[in-house]
Amino acid sequence: MVALQKYQNKKIAIYGMGITGCSAARAFKRLKARVFCWDDNKTTRKKIKNLKFPLSKFWLNKKLID
């Protein structure tokens, strides 16, 4: 298990919301991190919205990420 405490209360960007991306997003959310997600697949982006993770083309604004 990877120690994730250092990411507590940080801004995290996750590219790719397959099984691993969703698991990582949930783990970071439990740590009260601000999670920004993106996937190139339109159907997957709809699922991300249903999971209540913000969709963001965060690579356009590097100030969003710690």
PDB file of N, CA and C in Angstrom:
ATOM      1  N   MET A   1       0.844  -1.182   0.000  1.00  0.00           N
ATOM      2  CA  MET A   1       0.000   0.000   0.000  1.00  0.00           C
ATOM      3  C   MET A   1       0.883   1.236   0.000  1.00  0.00           C
ATOM      4  N   VAL A   2       0.565   2.165  -0.829  1.00  0.00           N
ATOM      5  CA  VAL A   2       1.309   3.417  -0.935  1.00  0.00           C
ATOM      6  C   VAL A   2       0.805   4.391   0.125  1.00  0.00           C
ATOM      7  N   ALA A   3       1.728   5.058   0.808  1.00  0.00           N
ATOM      8  CA  ALA A   3       1.345   6.057   1.810  1.00  0.00           C
ATOM      9  C   ALA A   3       0.871   7.318   1.092  1.00  0.00           C
ATOM     10  N   LEU A   4      -0.381   7.652   1.285  1.00  0.00           N
ATOM     11  CA  LEU A   4      -0.970   8.785   0.573  1.00  0.00           C
ATOM     12  C   LEU A   4      -1.147  10.023   1.447  1.00  0.00           C
ATOM     13  N   GLN A   5      -0.774   9.953   2.720  1.00  0.00           N
ATOM     14  CA  GLN A   5      -1.012  11.059   3.641  1.00  0.00           C
ATOM     15  C   GLN A   5      -0.404  12.365   3.149  1.00  0.00           C
ATOM     16  N   LYS A   6       0.707  12.296   2.420  1.00  0.00           N
ATOM     17  CA  LYS A   6       1.348  13.534   1.961  1.00  0.00           C
ATOM     18  C   LYS A   6       0.485  14.285   0.951  1.00  0.00           C
ATOM     19  N   TYR A   7      -0.552  13.637   0.430  1.00  0.00           N
ATOM     20  CA  TYR A   7      -1.452  14.278  -0.530  1.00  0.00           C
ATOM     21  C   TYR A   7      -2.703  14.857   0.132  1.00  0.00           C
ATOM     22  N   GLN A   8      -2.793  14.725   1.449  1.00  0.00           N
ATOM     23  CA  GLN A   8      -3.954  15.241   2.165  1.00  0.00           C
ATOM     24  C   GLN A   8      -4.067  16.750   1.948  1.00  0.00           C
ATOM     25  N   ASN A   9      -5.292  17.193   1.644  1.00  0.00           N
ATOM     26  CA  ASN A   9      -5.602  18.611   1.412  1.00  0.00           C
ATOM     27  C   ASN A   9      -4.843  19.231   0.228  1.00  0.00           C
ATOM     28  N   LYS A  10      -4.419  18.418  -0.712  1.00  0.00           N
ATOM     29  CA  LYS A  10      -3.730  18.908  -1.911  1.00  0.00           C
ATOM     30  C   LYS A  10      -4.675  18.856  -3.103  1.00  0.00           C
ATOM     31  N   LYS A  11      -4.279  19.487  -4.184  1.00  0.00           N
ATOM     32  CA  LYS A  11      -5.016  19.409  -5.444  1.00  0.00           C
ATOM     33  C   LYS A  11      -4.367  18.318  -6.287  1.00  0.00           C
ATOM     34  N   ILE A  12      -5.167  17.364  -6.725  1.00  0.00           N
ATOM     35  CA  ILE A  12      -4.675  16.202  -7.452  1.00  0.00           C
ATOM     36  C   ILE A  12      -5.346  16.132  -8.813  1.00  0.00           C
ATOM     37  N   ALA A  13      -4.566  15.858  -9.850  1.00  0.00           N
ATOM     38  CA  ALA A  13      -5.106  15.674 -11.196  1.00  0.00           C
ATOM     39  C   ALA A  13      -4.934  14.215 -11.597  1.00  0.00           C
ATOM     40  N   ILE A  14      -5.999  13.621 -12.114  1.00  0.00           N
ATOM     41  CA  ILE A  14      -5.945  12.230 -12.560  1.00  0.00           C
ATOM     42  C   ILE A  14      -6.374  12.170 -14.017  1.00  0.00           C
ATOM     43  N   TYR A  15      -5.474  11.706 -14.856  1.00  0.00           N
ATOM     44  CA  TYR A  15      -5.766  11.481 -16.273  1.00  0.00           C
ATOM     45  C   TYR A  15      -6.130  10.009 -16.428  1.00  0.00           C
ATOM     46  N   GLY A  16      -7.262   9.730 -17.021  1.00  0.00           N
ATOM     47  CA  GLY A  16      -7.664   8.342 -17.244  1.00  0.00           C
ATOM     48  C   GLY A  16      -8.463   7.820 -16.068  1.00  0.00           C
ATOM     49  N   MET A  17      -9.749   7.611 -16.281  1.00  0.00           N
ATOM     50  CA  MET A  17     -10.630   7.201 -15.190  1.00  0.00           C
ATOM     51  C   MET A  17     -11.156   5.788 -15.404  1.00  0.00           C
ATOM     52  N   GLY A  18     -10.229   4.894 -15.693  1.00  0.00           N
ATOM     53  CA  GLY A  18     -10.571   3.481 -15.731  1.00  0.00           C
ATOM     54  C   GLY A  18     -10.656   2.969 -14.298  1.00  0.00           C
ATOM     55  N   ILE A  19     -10.474   1.686 -14.115  1.00  0.00           N
ATOM     56  CA  ILE A  19     -10.557   1.088 -12.774  1.00  0.00           C
ATOM     57  C   ILE A  19      -9.537   1.720 -11.831  1.00  0.00           C
ATOM     58  N   THR A  20      -8.310   1.840 -12.265  1.00  0.00           N
ATOM     59  CA  THR A  20      -7.257   2.392 -11.406  1.00  0.00           C
ATOM     60  C   THR A  20      -7.470   3.871 -11.125  1.00  0.00           C
ATOM     61  N   GLY A  21      -7.828   4.637 -12.139  1.00  0.00           N
ATOM     62  CA  GLY A  21      -8.068   6.068 -11.953  1.00  0.00           C
ATOM     63  C   GLY A  21      -9.197   6.343 -10.978  1.00  0.00           C
ATOM     64  N   CYS A  22     -10.291   5.581 -11.096  1.00  0.00           N
ATOM     65  CA  CYS A  22     -11.428   5.754 -10.173  1.00  0.00           C
ATOM     66  C   CYS A  22     -11.039   5.377  -8.749  1.00  0.00           C
ATOM     67  N   SER A  23     -10.278   4.300  -8.601  1.00  0.00           N
ATOM     68  CA  SER A  23      -9.830   3.894  -7.265  1.00  0.00           C
ATOM     69  C   SER A  23      -8.943   4.962  -6.642  1.00  0.00           C
ATOM     70  N   ALA A  24      -8.037   5.503  -7.439  1.00  0.00           N
ATOM     71  CA  ALA A  24      -7.153   6.561  -6.938  1.00  0.00           C
ATOM     72  C   ALA A  24      -7.959   7.797  -6.558  1.00  0.00           C
ATOM     73  N   ALA A  25      -8.917   8.173  -7.386  1.00  0.00           N
ATOM     74  CA  ALA A  25      -9.746   9.353  -7.106  1.00  0.00           C
ATOM     75  C   ALA A  25     -10.506   9.186  -5.793  1.00  0.00           C
ATOM     76  N   ARG A  26     -11.059   8.011  -5.573  1.00  0.00           N
ATOM     77  CA  ARG A  26     -11.783   7.761  -4.309  1.00  0.00           C
ATOM     78  C   ARG A  26     -10.844   7.847  -3.110  1.00  0.00           C
ATOM     79  N   ALA A  27      -9.650   7.275  -3.240  1.00  0.00           N
ATOM     80  CA  ALA A  27      -8.682   7.305  -2.137  1.00  0.00           C
ATOM     81  C   ALA A  27      -8.277   8.741  -1.812  1.00  0.00           C
ATOM     82  N   PHE A  28      -7.992   9.534  -2.828  1.00  0.00           N
ATOM     83  CA  PHE A  28      -7.613  10.927  -2.594  1.00  0.00           C
ATOM     84  C   PHE A  28      -8.774  11.736  -2.025  1.00  0.00           C
ATOM     85  N   LYS A  29      -9.978  11.433  -2.459  1.00  0.00           N
ATOM     86  CA  LYS A  29     -11.152  12.148  -1.942  1.00  0.00           C
ATOM     87  C   LYS A  29     -11.328  11.875  -0.446  1.00  0.00           C
ATOM     88  N   ARG A  30     -11.060  10.630  -0.023  1.00  0.00           N
ATOM     89  CA  ARG A  30     -11.138  10.293   1.410  1.00  0.00           C
ATOM     90  C   ARG A  30     -10.121  11.093   2.222  1.00  0.00           C
ATOM     91  N   LEU A  31      -9.027  11.470   1.595  1.00  0.00           N
ATOM     92  CA  LEU A  31      -7.995  12.274   2.261  1.00  0.00           C
ATOM     93  C   LEU A  31      -8.294  13.768   2.199  1.00  0.00           C
ATOM     94  N   LYS A  32      -9.468  14.105   1.699  1.00  0.00           N
ATOM     95  CA  LYS A  32      -9.884  15.506   1.572  1.00  0.00           C
ATOM     96  C   LYS A  32      -9.052  16.262   0.534  1.00  0.00           C
ATOM     97  N   ALA A  33      -8.468  15.524  -0.415  1.00  0.00           N
ATOM     98  CA  ALA A  33      -7.763  16.179  -1.518  1.00  0.00           C
ATOM     99  C   ALA A  33      -8.803  16.700  -2.502  1.00  0.00           C
ATOM    100  N   ARG A  34      -8.442  17.740  -3.208  1.00  0.00           N
ATOM    101  CA  ARG A  34      -9.302  18.263  -4.271  1.00  0.00           C
ATOM    102  C   ARG A  34      -8.918  17.548  -5.548  1.00  0.00           C
ATOM    103  N   VAL A  35      -9.787  16.688  -6.029  1.00  0.00           N
ATOM    104  CA  VAL A  35      -9.476  15.813  -7.154  1.00  0.00           C
ATOM    105  C   VAL A  35     -10.091  16.364  -8.439  1.00  0.00           C
ATOM    106  N   PHE A  36      -9.257  16.513  -9.465  1.00  0.00           N
ATOM    107  CA  PHE A  36      -9.702  16.902 -10.801  1.00  0.00           C
ATOM    108  C   PHE A  36      -9.465  15.714 -11.718  1.00  0.00           C
ATOM    109  N   CYS A  37     -10.475  15.323 -12.475  1.00  0.00           N
ATOM    110  CA  CYS A  37     -10.385  14.122 -13.305  1.00  0.00           C
ATOM    111  C   CYS A  37     -10.595  14.444 -14.775  1.00  0.00           C
ATOM    112  N   TRP A  38      -9.988  13.614 -15.606  1.00  0.00           N
ATOM    113  CA  TRP A  38     -10.220  13.728 -17.045  1.00  0.00           C
ATOM    114  C   TRP A  38     -10.024  12.379 -17.707  1.00  0.00           C
ATOM    115  N   ASP A  39     -10.835  12.138 -18.712  1.00  0.00           N
ATOM    116  CA  ASP A  39     -10.683  10.976 -19.573  1.00  0.00           C
ATOM    117  C   ASP A  39     -11.065  11.412 -20.980  1.00  0.00           C
ATOM    118  N   ASP A  40     -10.362  10.922 -21.963  1.00  0.00           N
ATOM    119  CA  ASP A  40     -10.649  11.302 -23.348  1.00  0.00           C
ATOM    120  C   ASP A  40     -11.954  10.707 -23.863  1.00  0.00           C
ATOM    121  N   ASN A  41     -12.405   9.628 -23.240  1.00  0.00           N
ATOM    122  CA  ASN A  41     -13.616   8.947 -23.679  1.00  0.00           C
ATOM    123  C   ASN A  41     -14.856   9.670 -23.154  1.00  0.00           C
ATOM    124  N   LYS A  42     -15.735  10.071 -24.057  1.00  0.00           N
ATOM    125  CA  LYS A  42     -16.926  10.844 -23.682  1.00  0.00           C
ATOM    126  C   LYS A  42     -17.851  10.059 -22.744  1.00  0.00           C
ATOM    127  N   THR A  43     -18.025   8.767 -22.984  1.00  0.00           N
ATOM    128  CA  THR A  43     -18.873   7.932 -22.123  1.00  0.00           C
ATOM    129  C   THR A  43     -18.296   7.866 -20.716  1.00  0.00           C
ATOM    130  N   THR A  44     -16.993   7.735 -20.619  1.00  0.00           N
ATOM    131  CA  THR A  44     -16.337   7.690 -19.312  1.00  0.00           C
ATOM    132  C   THR A  44     -16.493   9.019 -18.587  1.00  0.00           C
ATOM    133  N   ARG A  45     -16.419  10.127 -19.307  1.00  0.00           N
ATOM    134  CA  ARG A  45     -16.611  11.440 -18.670  1.00  0.00           C
ATOM    135  C   ARG A  45     -18.000  11.553 -18.060  1.00  0.00           C
ATOM    136  N   LYS A  46     -19.008  10.982 -18.690  1.00  0.00           N
ATOM    137  CA  LYS A  46     -20.362  10.993 -18.117  1.00  0.00           C
ATOM    138  C   LYS A  46     -20.386  10.218 -16.807  1.00  0.00           C
ATOM    139  N   LYS A  47     -19.676   9.090 -16.755  1.00  0.00           N
ATOM    140  CA  LYS A  47     -19.609   8.295 -15.521  1.00  0.00           C
ATOM    141  C   LYS A  47     -18.902   9.075 -14.414  1.00  0.00           C
ATOM    142  N   ILE A  48     -17.867   9.826 -14.786  1.00  0.00           N
ATOM    143  CA  ILE A  48     -17.139  10.630 -13.804  1.00  0.00           C
ATOM    144  C   ILE A  48     -18.083  11.640 -13.157  1.00  0.00           C
ATOM    145  N   LYS A  49     -18.907  12.282 -13.955  1.00  0.00           N
ATOM    146  CA  LYS A  49     -19.879  13.243 -13.410  1.00  0.00           C
ATOM    147  C   LYS A  49     -20.812  12.562 -12.421  1.00  0.00           C
ATOM    148  N   ASN A  50     -21.254  11.333 -12.738  1.00  0.00           N
ATOM    149  CA  ASN A  50     -22.143  10.592 -11.842  1.00  0.00           C
ATOM    150  C   ASN A  50     -21.461  10.260 -10.519  1.00  0.00           C
ATOM    151  N   LEU A  51     -20.145  10.123 -10.526  1.00  0.00           N
ATOM    152  CA  LEU A  51     -19.395   9.837  -9.301  1.00  0.00           C
ATOM    153  C   LEU A  51     -19.082  11.103  -8.504  1.00  0.00           C
ATOM    154  N   LYS A  52     -19.523  12.251  -9.022  1.00  0.00           N
ATOM    155  CA  LYS A  52     -19.349  13.548  -8.349  1.00  0.00           C
ATOM    156  C   LYS A  52     -17.893  14.008  -8.290  1.00  0.00           C
ATOM    157  N   PHE A  53     -17.094  13.613  -9.266  1.00  0.00           N
ATOM    158  CA  PHE A  53     -15.742  14.141  -9.383  1.00  0.00           C
ATOM    159  C   PHE A  53     -15.764  15.247 -10.420  1.00  0.00           C
ATOM    160  N   PRO A  54     -15.115  16.372 -10.141  1.00  0.00           N
ATOM    161  CA  PRO A  54     -15.121  17.448 -11.135  1.00  0.00           C
ATOM    162  C   PRO A  54     -14.296  17.067 -12.361  1.00  0.00           C
ATOM    163  N   LEU A  55     -14.872  17.321 -13.511  1.00  0.00           N
ATOM    164  CA  LEU A  55     -14.160  17.144 -14.776  1.00  0.00           C
ATOM    165  C   LEU A  55     -13.407  18.422 -15.062  1.00  0.00           C
ATOM    166  N   SER A  56     -12.181  18.281 -15.485  1.00  0.00           N
ATOM    167  CA  SER A  56     -11.403  19.481 -15.744  1.00  0.00           C
ATOM    168  C   SER A  56     -10.327  19.197 -16.772  1.00  0.00           C
ATOM    169  N   LYS A  57     -10.203  20.098 -17.717  1.00  0.00           N
ATOM    170  CA  LYS A  57      -9.061  20.030 -18.628  1.00  0.00           C
ATOM    171  C   LYS A  57      -7.930  20.785 -17.946  1.00  0.00           C
ATOM    172  N   PHE A  58      -7.482  20.230 -16.825  1.00  0.00           N
ATOM    173  CA  PHE A  58      -6.566  20.904 -15.916  1.00  0.00           C
ATOM    174  C   PHE A  58      -5.200  21.151 -16.523  1.00  0.00           C
ATOM    175  N   TRP A  59      -4.860  20.468 -17.588  1.00  0.00           N
ATOM    176  CA  TRP A  59      -3.551  20.717 -18.182  1.00  0.00           C
ATOM    177  C   TRP A  59      -3.474  22.110 -18.809  1.00  0.00           C
ATOM    178  N   LEU A  60      -4.627  22.747 -18.980  1.00  0.00           N
ATOM    179  CA  LEU A  60      -4.640  24.104 -19.517  1.00  0.00           C
ATOM    180  C   LEU A  60      -4.266  25.140 -18.458  1.00  0.00           C
ATOM    181  N   ASN A  61      -4.371  24.768 -17.186  1.00  0.00           N
ATOM    182  CA  ASN A  61      -4.088  25.696 -16.097  1.00  0.00           C
ATOM    183  C   ASN A  61      -3.287  24.966 -15.025  1.00  0.00           C
ATOM    184  N   LYS A  62      -1.978  25.024 -15.095  1.00  0.00           N
ATOM    185  CA  LYS A  62      -1.121  24.297 -14.161  1.00  0.00           C
ATOM    186  C   LYS A  62      -1.244  24.814 -12.733  1.00  0.00           C
ATOM    187  N   LYS A  63      -1.838  25.978 -12.552  1.00  0.00           N
ATOM    188  CA  LYS A  63      -2.017  26.525 -11.211  1.00  0.00           C
ATOM    189  C   LYS A  63      -3.045  25.730 -10.417  1.00  0.00           C
ATOM    190  N   LEU A  64      -3.824  24.886 -11.092  1.00  0.00           N
ATOM    191  CA  LEU A  64      -4.834  24.086 -10.403  1.00  0.00           C
ATOM    192  C   LEU A  64      -4.234  22.956  -9.584  1.00  0.00           C
ATOM    193  N   ILE A  65      -2.996  22.570  -9.885  1.00  0.00           N
ATOM    194  CA  ILE A  65      -2.414  21.366  -9.304  1.00  0.00           C
ATOM    195  C   ILE A  65      -1.280  21.728  -8.359  1.00  0.00           C
ATOM    196  N   ASP A  66      -1.259  21.083  -7.172  1.00  0.00           N
ATOM    197  CA  ASP A  66      -0.166  21.293  -6.208  1.00  0.00           C
ATOM    198  C   ASP A  66       1.067  20.506  -6.615  1.00  0.00           C
TER     199      ASP A  66
END
